[in-house]
């Protein structure tokens, strides 16, 4: 599985760099709008999101396979992380870039043996990103400058991520107030808006945030269950970090922490998200939960 993911990462990175430097990828797709890399995903701009969600998986499998002895194949993995983090930045996907750094920060703080390696990779990739941005600041403008502008940090009026997102979130809240117990049903937001035909509502296929989507489409009970999962995850993370720094004990091993960082990405509330019920997101979601559960059943135990 590790070598399969190595191969996937290598192909996606190579194709993305070709698209970035030549304007077209191996299959002829051009850079979307001149600023966003789609790579082999074509017009579906999920390259950064896909890679950001699988980086912790690869890191966990790498530790599982090479925890006793780091050889040349492990070094290949670290090299792939370096290029992958650059590609995620160049893809122009702001949420993906945030998730990559969120997972990296968590692992740097919580890992027992491999935190310095993860820190080194992050420092090297950031250095490369700064150098690339000095020659072509397109990705930097989208990820940093555009974000500051959309939130309204330089203006009197502030927005939740952007004016566009604020309208969507407000519409989702209005719909929730009308259907607060059972919700409107999964993937029914656009249909509901078409039936209401209200000027107050600015709706798309989903509310662009997992928690709002659960609230609107699943209702209050589903929302509380989803929140409980996140709160329980955060509690376990804080407990592990407390034990590590104050008692020199470890609640989870490094492999489990890598897969736990996948769940941290999946459940993180304060960021725009894709459709929670989208097929490819669900494939990753349940696959990573499976790996997380497996890590408690069959792993190379630390002392």
C-alpha atoms as a PDB file:
ATOM      1  CA  UNK A   1       0.000   0.000   0.000  1.00  0.00           C
ATOM      2  CA  UNK A   2       2.832   2.375   0.816  1.00  0.00           C
ATOM      3  CA  UNK A   3       4.504   1.823  -2.561  1.00  0.00           C
ATOM      4  CA  UNK A   4       1.169   2.242  -4.369  1.00  0.00           C
ATOM      5  CA  UNK A   5       0.743   5.635  -2.682  1.00  0.00           C
ATOM      6  CA  UNK A   6       4.370   6.487  -3.478  1.00  0.00           C
ATOM      7  CA  UNK A   7       3.598   5.857  -7.143  1.00  0.00           C
ATOM      8  CA  UNK A   8       0.367   7.908  -7.052  1.00  0.00           C
ATOM      9  CA  UNK A   9       2.098  10.833  -5.338  1.00  0.00           C
ATOM     10  CA  UNK A  10       5.028  10.722  -7.778  1.00  0.00           C
ATOM     11  CA  UNK A  11       2.756  10.765 -10.839  1.00  0.00           C
ATOM     12  CA  UNK A  12       0.532  13.538  -9.475  1.00  0.00           C
ATOM     13  CA  UNK A  13       3.535  15.664  -8.467  1.00  0.00           C
ATOM     14  CA  UNK A  14       5.294  15.214 -11.812  1.00  0.00           C
ATOM     15  CA  UNK A  15       2.139  16.044 -13.751  1.00  0.00           C
ATOM     16  CA  UNK A  16       1.421  19.097 -11.562  1.00  0.00           C
ATOM     17  CA  UNK A  17       4.920  20.528 -12.004  1.00  0.00           C
ATOM     18  CA  UNK A  18       4.683  20.023 -15.779  1.00  0.00           C
ATOM     19  CA  UNK A  19       1.368  21.890 -15.756  1.00  0.00           C
ATOM     20  CA  UNK A  20       2.816  24.658 -13.593  1.00  0.00           C
ATOM     21  CA  UNK A  21       5.906  25.269 -15.732  1.00  0.00           C
ATOM     22  CA  UNK A  22       4.435  24.634 -19.212  1.00  0.00           C
ATOM     23  CA  UNK A  23       0.791  25.644 -18.759  1.00  0.00           C
ATOM     24  CA  UNK A  24      -0.511  22.166 -19.663  1.00  0.00           C
ATOM     25  CA  UNK A  25      -0.350  18.801 -17.935  1.00  0.00           C
ATOM     26  CA  UNK A  26       0.343  15.396 -19.481  1.00  0.00           C
ATOM     27  CA  UNK A  27      -3.247  15.016 -20.679  1.00  0.00           C
ATOM     28  CA  UNK A  28      -3.481  18.524 -22.128  1.00  0.00           C
ATOM     29  CA  UNK A  29      -5.445  20.288 -19.386  1.00  0.00           C
ATOM     30  CA  UNK A  30      -4.470  23.912 -18.904  1.00  0.00           C
ATOM     31  CA  UNK A  31      -4.130  25.787 -15.609  1.00  0.00           C
ATOM     32  CA  UNK A  32      -7.650  26.774 -14.560  1.00  0.00           C
ATOM     33  CA  UNK A  33      -8.089  30.530 -14.754  1.00  0.00           C
ATOM     34  CA  UNK A  34      -4.331  30.856 -15.001  1.00  0.00           C
ATOM     35  CA  UNK A  35      -3.962  30.302 -11.231  1.00  0.00           C
ATOM     36  CA  UNK A  36      -5.205  26.837 -10.176  1.00  0.00           C
ATOM     37  CA  UNK A  37      -3.585  23.489 -10.907  1.00  0.00           C
ATOM     38  CA  UNK A  38      -5.952  20.605 -11.585  1.00  0.00           C
ATOM     39  CA  UNK A  39      -3.322  18.125 -12.733  1.00  0.00           C
ATOM     40  CA  UNK A  40      -4.665  14.704 -13.670  1.00  0.00           C
ATOM     41  CA  UNK A  41      -8.004  15.598 -12.054  1.00  0.00           C
ATOM     42  CA  UNK A  42      -8.635  17.917 -14.993  1.00  0.00           C
ATOM     43  CA  UNK A  43     -11.433  20.422 -14.526  1.00  0.00           C
ATOM     44  CA  UNK A  44     -12.270  19.039 -11.090  1.00  0.00           C
ATOM     45  CA  UNK A  45      -9.929  21.142  -8.972  1.00  0.00           C
ATOM     46  CA  UNK A  46      -9.261  18.723  -6.132  1.00  0.00           C
ATOM     47  CA  UNK A  47      -5.539  18.021  -6.612  1.00  0.00           C
ATOM     48  CA  UNK A  48      -4.471  19.835  -3.435  1.00  0.00           C
ATOM     49  CA  UNK A  49      -7.362  18.466  -1.393  1.00  0.00           C
ATOM     50  CA  UNK A  50      -6.609  14.888  -2.438  1.00  0.00           C
ATOM     51  CA  UNK A  51      -2.907  15.164  -1.622  1.00  0.00           C
ATOM     52  CA  UNK A  52      -3.445  16.976   1.683  1.00  0.00           C
ATOM     53  CA  UNK A  53      -5.785  14.236   2.917  1.00  0.00           C
ATOM     54  CA  UNK A  54      -3.371  11.434   2.035  1.00  0.00           C
ATOM     55  CA  UNK A  55      -0.087  12.923   3.315  1.00  0.00           C
ATOM     56  CA  UNK A  56      -0.768  11.747   6.907  1.00  0.00           C
ATOM     57  CA  UNK A  57      -1.681   8.282   5.588  1.00  0.00           C
ATOM     58  CA  UNK A  58       1.630   7.954   3.737  1.00  0.00           C
ATOM     59  CA  UNK A  59       3.551   9.244   6.751  1.00  0.00           C
ATOM     60  CA  UNK A  60       1.823   6.734   9.049  1.00  0.00           C
ATOM     61  CA  UNK A  61       2.501   3.816   6.702  1.00  0.00           C
ATOM     62  CA  UNK A  62       6.102   4.959   6.310  1.00  0.00           C
ATOM     63  CA  UNK A  63       6.570   4.852  10.081  1.00  0.00           C
ATOM     64  CA  UNK A  64       4.876   1.450  10.228  1.00  0.00           C
ATOM     65  CA  UNK A  65       7.149  -0.046   7.577  1.00  0.00           C
ATOM     66  CA  UNK A  66      10.422   1.704   8.436  1.00  0.00           C
ATOM     67  CA  UNK A  67      10.177   2.524  12.135  1.00  0.00           C
ATOM     68  CA  UNK A  68      13.094   0.196  12.957  1.00  0.00           C
ATOM     69  CA  UNK A  69      15.402   1.236  10.143  1.00  0.00           C
ATOM     70  CA  UNK A  70      15.120   4.185   7.776  1.00  0.00           C
ATOM     71  CA  UNK A  71      16.511   3.096   4.393  1.00  0.00           C
ATOM     72  CA  UNK A  72      16.504   4.568   0.887  1.00  0.00           C
ATOM     73  CA  UNK A  73      12.790   3.891   0.387  1.00  0.00           C
ATOM     74  CA  UNK A  74      11.973   5.924   3.468  1.00  0.00           C
ATOM     75  CA  UNK A  75      14.109   8.768   2.139  1.00  0.00           C
ATOM     76  CA  UNK A  76      12.135   8.608  -1.118  1.00  0.00           C
ATOM     77  CA  UNK A  77       8.998   9.077   0.948  1.00  0.00           C
ATOM     78  CA  UNK A  78      10.398  12.157   2.688  1.00  0.00           C
ATOM     79  CA  UNK A  79      11.386  13.581  -0.700  1.00  0.00           C
ATOM     80  CA  UNK A  80       7.850  13.021  -1.969  1.00  0.00           C
ATOM     81  CA  UNK A  81       6.468  14.934   1.041  1.00  0.00           C
ATOM     82  CA  UNK A  82       8.693  17.863   0.156  1.00  0.00           C
ATOM     83  CA  UNK A  83       7.414  18.058  -3.423  1.00  0.00           C
ATOM     84  CA  UNK A  84       3.825  17.280  -2.433  1.00  0.00           C
ATOM     85  CA  UNK A  85       3.598  20.193  -0.014  1.00  0.00           C
ATOM     86  CA  UNK A  86       4.890  22.509  -2.746  1.00  0.00           C
ATOM     87  CA  UNK A  87       2.284  21.169  -5.196  1.00  0.00           C
ATOM     88  CA  UNK A  88      -0.493  21.700  -2.650  1.00  0.00           C
ATOM     89  CA  UNK A  89       0.531  25.354  -2.377  1.00  0.00           C
ATOM     90  CA  UNK A  90       0.809  25.746  -6.148  1.00  0.00           C
ATOM     91  CA  UNK A  91      -2.634  24.174  -6.624  1.00  0.00           C
ATOM     92  CA  UNK A  92      -4.118  27.348  -5.144  1.00  0.00           C
ATOM     93  CA  UNK A  93      -6.441  25.393  -2.828  1.00  0.00           C
ATOM     94  CA  UNK A  94      -6.453  27.381   0.376  1.00  0.00           C
ATOM     95  CA  UNK A  95      -8.300  24.813   2.492  1.00  0.00           C
ATOM     96  CA  UNK A  96      -5.900  22.079   1.353  1.00  0.00           C
ATOM     97  CA  UNK A  97      -2.877  24.212   2.245  1.00  0.00           C
ATOM     98  CA  UNK A  98      -4.368  24.930   5.667  1.00  0.00           C
ATOM     99  CA  UNK A  99      -5.135  21.240   6.296  1.00  0.00           C
ATOM    100  CA  UNK A 100      -1.611  20.221   5.304  1.00  0.00           C
ATOM    101  CA  UNK A 101      -0.103  22.603   7.839  1.00  0.00           C
ATOM    102  CA  UNK A 102      -2.691  21.763  10.506  1.00  0.00           C
ATOM    103  CA  UNK A 103      -1.829  18.054  10.269  1.00  0.00           C
ATOM    104  CA  UNK A 104       1.903  18.828  10.161  1.00  0.00           C
ATOM    105  CA  UNK A 105       1.700  21.060  13.247  1.00  0.00           C
ATOM    106  CA  UNK A 106      -0.235  18.416  15.141  1.00  0.00           C
ATOM    107  CA  UNK A 107       2.322  15.718  14.266  1.00  0.00           C
ATOM    108  CA  UNK A 108       5.284  17.931  15.133  1.00  0.00           C
ATOM    109  CA  UNK A 109       3.789  18.558  18.579  1.00  0.00           C
ATOM    110  CA  UNK A 110       2.525  15.045  19.316  1.00  0.00           C
ATOM    111  CA  UNK A 111       4.915  12.519  17.715  1.00  0.00           C
ATOM    112  CA  UNK A 112       7.465  10.688  19.823  1.00  0.00           C
ATOM    113  CA  UNK A 113      10.224   9.790  17.355  1.00  0.00           C
ATOM    114  CA  UNK A 114       9.544  11.383  13.976  1.00  0.00           C
ATOM    115  CA  UNK A 115       8.531  14.956  14.852  1.00  0.00           C
ATOM    116  CA  UNK A 116      11.914  16.446  13.920  1.00  0.00           C
ATOM    117  CA  UNK A 117      11.750  14.764  10.518  1.00  0.00           C
ATOM    118  CA  UNK A 118       8.281  16.223   9.923  1.00  0.00           C
ATOM    119  CA  UNK A 119       9.480  19.648  11.053  1.00  0.00           C
ATOM    120  CA  UNK A 120      12.459  19.477   8.688  1.00  0.00           C
ATOM    121  CA  UNK A 121      10.221  18.641   5.726  1.00  0.00           C
ATOM    122  CA  UNK A 122       7.902  21.555   6.527  1.00  0.00           C
ATOM    123  CA  UNK A 123      10.826  23.992   6.806  1.00  0.00           C
ATOM    124  CA  UNK A 124      12.344  22.836   3.520  1.00  0.00           C
ATOM    125  CA  UNK A 125       9.046  22.983   1.642  1.00  0.00           C
ATOM    126  CA  UNK A 126       8.271  26.467   3.013  1.00  0.00           C
ATOM    127  CA  UNK A 127      11.705  27.640   1.897  1.00  0.00           C
ATOM    128  CA  UNK A 128      11.057  26.289  -1.607  1.00  0.00           C
ATOM    129  CA  UNK A 129       7.598  27.919  -1.656  1.00  0.00           C
ATOM    130  CA  UNK A 130       9.103  31.301  -0.740  1.00  0.00           C
ATOM    131  CA  UNK A 131      11.684  30.962  -3.516  1.00  0.00           C
ATOM    132  CA  UNK A 132       9.046  29.979  -6.111  1.00  0.00           C
ATOM    133  CA  UNK A 133       6.778  32.819  -4.987  1.00  0.00           C
ATOM    134  CA  UNK A 134       9.563  35.324  -5.554  1.00  0.00           C
ATOM    135  CA  UNK A 135       9.582  34.356  -9.251  1.00  0.00           C
ATOM    136  CA  UNK A 136       5.829  33.791  -9.671  1.00  0.00           C
ATOM    137  CA  UNK A 137       3.518  35.016  -6.927  1.00  0.00           C
ATOM    138  CA  UNK A 138       0.239  33.786  -8.484  1.00  0.00           C
ATOM    139  CA  UNK A 139      -0.352  31.106  -5.849  1.00  0.00           C
ATOM    140  CA  UNK A 140       0.696  33.450  -3.055  1.00  0.00           C
ATOM    141  CA  UNK A 141      -1.818  36.067  -4.256  1.00  0.00           C
ATOM    142  CA  UNK A 142      -4.638  33.526  -4.210  1.00  0.00           C
ATOM    143  CA  UNK A 143      -3.819  31.804  -0.911  1.00  0.00           C
ATOM    144  CA  UNK A 144      -2.743  34.815   1.154  1.00  0.00           C
ATOM    145  CA  UNK A 145      -3.626  38.123  -0.520  1.00  0.00           C
ATOM    146  CA  UNK A 146      -7.036  37.052  -1.823  1.00  0.00           C
ATOM    147  CA  UNK A 147      -7.945  35.496   1.538  1.00  0.00           C
ATOM    148  CA  UNK A 148      -7.125  38.734   3.388  1.00  0.00           C
ATOM    149  CA  UNK A 149      -9.141  40.698   0.830  1.00  0.00           C
ATOM    150  CA  UNK A 150     -12.179  38.365   0.910  1.00  0.00           C
ATOM    151  CA  UNK A 151     -12.382  38.258   4.697  1.00  0.00           C
ATOM    152  CA  UNK A 152     -12.256  42.052   4.691  1.00  0.00           C
ATOM    153  CA  UNK A 153      -9.354  42.475   7.090  1.00  0.00           C
ATOM    154  CA  UNK A 154      -8.483  45.749   5.376  1.00  0.00           C
ATOM    155  CA  UNK A 155     -12.099  46.964   5.284  1.00  0.00           C
ATOM    156  CA  UNK A 156     -14.637  48.032   7.880  1.00  0.00           C
ATOM    157  CA  UNK A 157     -17.022  45.175   7.077  1.00  0.00           C
ATOM    158  CA  UNK A 158     -15.783  41.649   7.833  1.00  0.00           C
ATOM    159  CA  UNK A 159     -17.007  38.392   6.329  1.00  0.00           C
ATOM    160  CA  UNK A 160     -16.847  34.700   7.222  1.00  0.00           C
ATOM    161  CA  UNK A 161     -14.106  33.634   4.776  1.00  0.00           C
ATOM    162  CA  UNK A 162     -15.683  35.804   2.018  1.00  0.00           C
ATOM    163  CA  UNK A 163     -18.823  37.717   1.088  1.00  0.00           C
ATOM    164  CA  UNK A 164     -19.825  34.740  -1.038  1.00  0.00           C
ATOM    165  CA  UNK A 165     -19.414  32.268   1.837  1.00  0.00           C
ATOM    166  CA  UNK A 166     -21.238  34.560   4.247  1.00  0.00           C
ATOM    167  CA  UNK A 167     -24.302  34.580   1.973  1.00  0.00           C
ATOM    168  CA  UNK A 168     -24.257  30.791   1.687  1.00  0.00           C
ATOM    169  CA  UNK A 169     -23.907  30.319   5.459  1.00  0.00           C
ATOM    170  CA  UNK A 170     -26.712  32.782   6.152  1.00  0.00           C
ATOM    171  CA  UNK A 171     -28.961  30.919   3.697  1.00  0.00           C
ATOM    172  CA  UNK A 172     -28.101  27.601   5.338  1.00  0.00           C
ATOM    173  CA  UNK A 173     -28.989  29.002   8.760  1.00  0.00           C
ATOM    174  CA  UNK A 174     -32.362  30.254   7.511  1.00  0.00           C
ATOM    175  CA  UNK A 175     -33.139  26.790   6.136  1.00  0.00           C
ATOM    176  CA  UNK A 176     -32.045  25.157   9.402  1.00  0.00           C
ATOM    177  CA  UNK A 177     -34.410  27.369  11.394  1.00  0.00           C
ATOM    178  CA  UNK A 178     -37.260  26.075   9.230  1.00  0.00           C
ATOM    179  CA  UNK A 179     -36.195  22.416   9.522  1.00  0.00           C
ATOM    180  CA  UNK A 180     -34.243  22.273  12.762  1.00  0.00           C
ATOM    181  CA  UNK A 181     -35.046  18.786  14.035  1.00  0.00           C
ATOM    182  CA  UNK A 182     -34.780  16.360  11.095  1.00  0.00           C
ATOM    183  CA  UNK A 183     -33.178  18.596   8.456  1.00  0.00           C
ATOM    184  CA  UNK A 184     -34.031  18.577   4.752  1.00  0.00           C
ATOM    185  CA  UNK A 185     -32.246  15.316   3.908  1.00  0.00           C
ATOM    186  CA  UNK A 186     -28.804  14.627   2.428  1.00  0.00           C
ATOM    187  CA  UNK A 187     -27.935  16.416  -0.834  1.00  0.00           C
ATOM    188  CA  UNK A 188     -31.298  18.202  -0.971  1.00  0.00           C
ATOM    189  CA  UNK A 189     -30.117  21.791  -0.537  1.00  0.00           C
ATOM    190  CA  UNK A 190     -30.382  22.869  -4.176  1.00  0.00           C
ATOM    191  CA  UNK A 191     -33.763  21.159  -4.583  1.00  0.00           C
ATOM    192  CA  UNK A 192     -35.068  22.835  -1.429  1.00  0.00           C
ATOM    193  CA  UNK A 193     -33.891  26.259  -2.610  1.00  0.00           C
ATOM    194  CA  UNK A 194     -35.503  25.786  -6.020  1.00  0.00           C
ATOM    195  CA  UNK A 195     -38.805  24.930  -4.368  1.00  0.00           C
ATOM    196  CA  UNK A 196     -38.648  27.903  -1.977  1.00  0.00           C
ATOM    197  CA  UNK A 197     -37.650  30.338  -4.750  1.00  0.00           C
ATOM    198  CA  UNK A 198     -36.813  32.963  -2.129  1.00  0.00           C
ATOM    199  CA  UNK A 199     -34.677  36.054  -2.691  1.00  0.00           C
ATOM    200  CA  UNK A 200     -33.266  35.565   0.832  1.00  0.00           C
ATOM    201  CA  UNK A 201     -31.570  32.312  -0.120  1.00  0.00           C
ATOM    202  CA  UNK A 202     -28.267  32.044  -1.949  1.00  0.00           C
ATOM    203  CA  UNK A 203     -27.841  28.291  -2.262  1.00  0.00           C
ATOM    204  CA  UNK A 204     -25.581  25.844  -4.013  1.00  0.00           C
ATOM    205  CA  UNK A 205     -25.392  22.058  -3.930  1.00  0.00           C
ATOM    206  CA  UNK A 206     -23.997  22.191  -0.360  1.00  0.00           C
ATOM    207  CA  UNK A 207     -23.329  24.851   2.323  1.00  0.00           C
ATOM    208  CA  UNK A 208     -19.508  24.711   1.955  1.00  0.00           C
ATOM    209  CA  UNK A 209     -18.999  23.656   5.565  1.00  0.00           C
ATOM    210  CA  UNK A 210     -19.430  20.148   6.956  1.00  0.00           C
ATOM    211  CA  UNK A 211     -20.987  21.238  10.234  1.00  0.00           C
ATOM    212  CA  UNK A 212     -23.519  23.501   8.546  1.00  0.00           C
ATOM    213  CA  UNK A 213     -24.261  20.753   6.045  1.00  0.00           C
ATOM    214  CA  UNK A 214     -24.944  18.242   8.819  1.00  0.00           C
ATOM    215  CA  UNK A 215     -27.066  20.830  10.607  1.00  0.00           C
ATOM    216  CA  UNK A 216     -29.150  21.707   7.547  1.00  0.00           C
ATOM    217  CA  UNK A 217     -29.421  18.300   5.898  1.00  0.00           C
ATOM    218  CA  UNK A 218     -29.315  15.991   8.937  1.00  0.00           C
ATOM    219  CA  UNK A 219     -30.921  18.126  11.601  1.00  0.00           C
ATOM    220  CA  UNK A 220     -29.994  18.859  15.188  1.00  0.00           C
ATOM    221  CA  UNK A 221     -29.582  15.230  16.356  1.00  0.00           C
ATOM    222  CA  UNK A 222     -27.150  14.363  13.563  1.00  0.00           C
ATOM    223  CA  UNK A 223     -25.281  17.596  14.237  1.00  0.00           C
ATOM    224  CA  UNK A 224     -24.852  16.764  17.933  1.00  0.00           C
ATOM    225  CA  UNK A 225     -23.527  13.288  17.075  1.00  0.00           C
ATOM    226  CA  UNK A 226     -21.027  14.805  14.630  1.00  0.00           C
ATOM    227  CA  UNK A 227     -19.966  17.419  17.201  1.00  0.00           C
ATOM    228  CA  UNK A 228     -19.508  14.713  19.827  1.00  0.00           C
ATOM    229  CA  UNK A 229     -17.097  12.875  17.528  1.00  0.00           C
ATOM    230  CA  UNK A 230     -15.014  16.043  17.104  1.00  0.00           C
ATOM    231  CA  UNK A 231     -15.063  16.888  20.826  1.00  0.00           C
ATOM    232  CA  UNK A 232     -14.019  13.346  21.722  1.00  0.00           C
ATOM    233  CA  UNK A 233     -11.175  13.521  19.182  1.00  0.00           C
ATOM    234  CA  UNK A 234      -9.945  16.857  20.571  1.00  0.00           C
ATOM    235  CA  UNK A 235     -10.167  15.531  24.123  1.00  0.00           C
ATOM    236  CA  UNK A 236      -7.982  12.536  23.240  1.00  0.00           C
ATOM    237  CA  UNK A 237      -5.486  14.779  21.424  1.00  0.00           C
ATOM    238  CA  UNK A 238      -5.180  17.199  24.352  1.00  0.00           C
ATOM    239  CA  UNK A 239      -4.863  14.308  26.775  1.00  0.00           C
ATOM    240  CA  UNK A 240      -2.014  12.821  24.717  1.00  0.00           C
ATOM    241  CA  UNK A 241      -0.204  16.180  24.476  1.00  0.00           C
ATOM    242  CA  UNK A 242      -0.611  16.794  28.213  1.00  0.00           C
ATOM    243  CA  UNK A 243       0.820  13.366  29.060  1.00  0.00           C
ATOM    244  CA  UNK A 244       3.707  13.860  26.644  1.00  0.00           C
ATOM    245  CA  UNK A 245       4.859  17.241  27.933  1.00  0.00           C
ATOM    246  CA  UNK A 246       4.073  16.928  31.635  1.00  0.00           C
ATOM    247  CA  UNK A 247       4.452  13.230  32.420  1.00  0.00           C
ATOM    248  CA  UNK A 248       6.649  11.924  29.589  1.00  0.00           C
ATOM    249  CA  UNK A 249       3.985   9.358  28.725  1.00  0.00           C
ATOM    250  CA  UNK A 250       2.282   8.608  25.423  1.00  0.00           C
ATOM    251  CA  UNK A 251      -1.386   7.764  25.019  1.00  0.00           C
ATOM    252  CA  UNK A 252      -0.966   6.879  21.321  1.00  0.00           C
ATOM    253  CA  UNK A 253       1.966   5.673  19.256  1.00  0.00           C
ATOM    254  CA  UNK A 254       3.275   7.537  16.200  1.00  0.00           C
ATOM    255  CA  UNK A 255       1.343   5.402  13.703  1.00  0.00           C
ATOM    256  CA  UNK A 256      -1.958   6.041  15.458  1.00  0.00           C
ATOM    257  CA  UNK A 257      -1.225   9.756  15.667  1.00  0.00           C
ATOM    258  CA  UNK A 258      -0.695   9.959  11.903  1.00  0.00           C
ATOM    259  CA  UNK A 259      -4.095   8.419  11.224  1.00  0.00           C
ATOM    260  CA  UNK A 260      -5.586  10.578  13.976  1.00  0.00           C
ATOM    261  CA  UNK A 261      -4.347  13.652  12.093  1.00  0.00           C
ATOM    262  CA  UNK A 262      -6.454  12.442   9.138  1.00  0.00           C
ATOM    263  CA  UNK A 263      -9.517  12.574  11.381  1.00  0.00           C
ATOM    264  CA  UNK A 264      -8.489  16.015  12.612  1.00  0.00           C
ATOM    265  CA  UNK A 265      -8.618  17.218   9.002  1.00  0.00           C
ATOM    266  CA  UNK A 266     -11.962  15.532   8.392  1.00  0.00           C
ATOM    267  CA  UNK A 267     -13.646  16.947  11.508  1.00  0.00           C
ATOM    268  CA  UNK A 268     -12.035  20.418  11.641  1.00  0.00           C
ATOM    269  CA  UNK A 269     -14.927  22.934  11.785  1.00  0.00           C
ATOM    270  CA  UNK A 270     -13.491  26.384  11.002  1.00  0.00           C
ATOM    271  CA  UNK A 271     -12.762  26.120   7.293  1.00  0.00           C
ATOM    272  CA  UNK A 272     -14.784  25.972   4.056  1.00  0.00           C
ATOM    273  CA  UNK A 273     -15.343  22.375   2.957  1.00  0.00           C
ATOM    274  CA  UNK A 274     -16.528  20.399  -0.026  1.00  0.00           C
ATOM    275  CA  UNK A 275     -19.704  18.344  -0.039  1.00  0.00           C
ATOM    276  CA  UNK A 276     -19.586  15.908   2.901  1.00  0.00           C
ATOM    277  CA  UNK A 277     -21.706  13.430   0.941  1.00  0.00           C
ATOM    278  CA  UNK A 278     -19.576  13.652  -2.191  1.00  0.00           C
ATOM    279  CA  UNK A 279     -18.443  10.215  -3.337  1.00  0.00           C
ATOM    280  CA  UNK A 280     -14.672  10.767  -3.390  1.00  0.00           C
ATOM    281  CA  UNK A 281     -14.656  12.526  -0.018  1.00  0.00           C
ATOM    282  CA  UNK A 282     -16.641   9.656   1.517  1.00  0.00           C
ATOM    283  CA  UNK A 283     -14.224   7.122   0.021  1.00  0.00           C
ATOM    284  CA  UNK A 284     -11.325   8.874   1.748  1.00  0.00           C
ATOM    285  CA  UNK A 285     -13.310   9.496   4.943  1.00  0.00           C
ATOM    286  CA  UNK A 286     -14.208   5.862   5.616  1.00  0.00           C
ATOM    287  CA  UNK A 287     -10.912   4.541   4.296  1.00  0.00           C
ATOM    288  CA  UNK A 288      -9.011   6.638   6.822  1.00  0.00           C
ATOM    289  CA  UNK A 289     -11.357   5.644   9.638  1.00  0.00           C
ATOM    290  CA  UNK A 290     -10.625   2.034   8.701  1.00  0.00           C
ATOM    291  CA  UNK A 291      -6.875   2.638   8.889  1.00  0.00           C
ATOM    292  CA  UNK A 292      -7.297   4.416  12.223  1.00  0.00           C
ATOM    293  CA  UNK A 293      -9.206   1.452  13.697  1.00  0.00           C
ATOM    294  CA  UNK A 294      -6.679  -0.990  12.206  1.00  0.00           C
ATOM    295  CA  UNK A 295      -3.825   0.872  13.916  1.00  0.00           C
ATOM    296  CA  UNK A 296      -5.266  -0.194  17.282  1.00  0.00           C
ATOM    297  CA  UNK A 297      -5.560  -3.826  16.241  1.00  0.00           C
ATOM    298  CA  UNK A 298      -2.363  -4.612  14.388  1.00  0.00           C
ATOM    299  CA  UNK A 299       0.744  -2.470  14.671  1.00  0.00           C
ATOM    300  CA  UNK A 300       4.363  -2.639  15.794  1.00  0.00           C
ATOM    301  CA  UNK A 301       4.040  -1.641  19.447  1.00  0.00           C
ATOM    302  CA  UNK A 302       6.288   0.952  21.013  1.00  0.00           C
ATOM    303  CA  UNK A 303       7.721   0.310  24.450  1.00  0.00           C
END
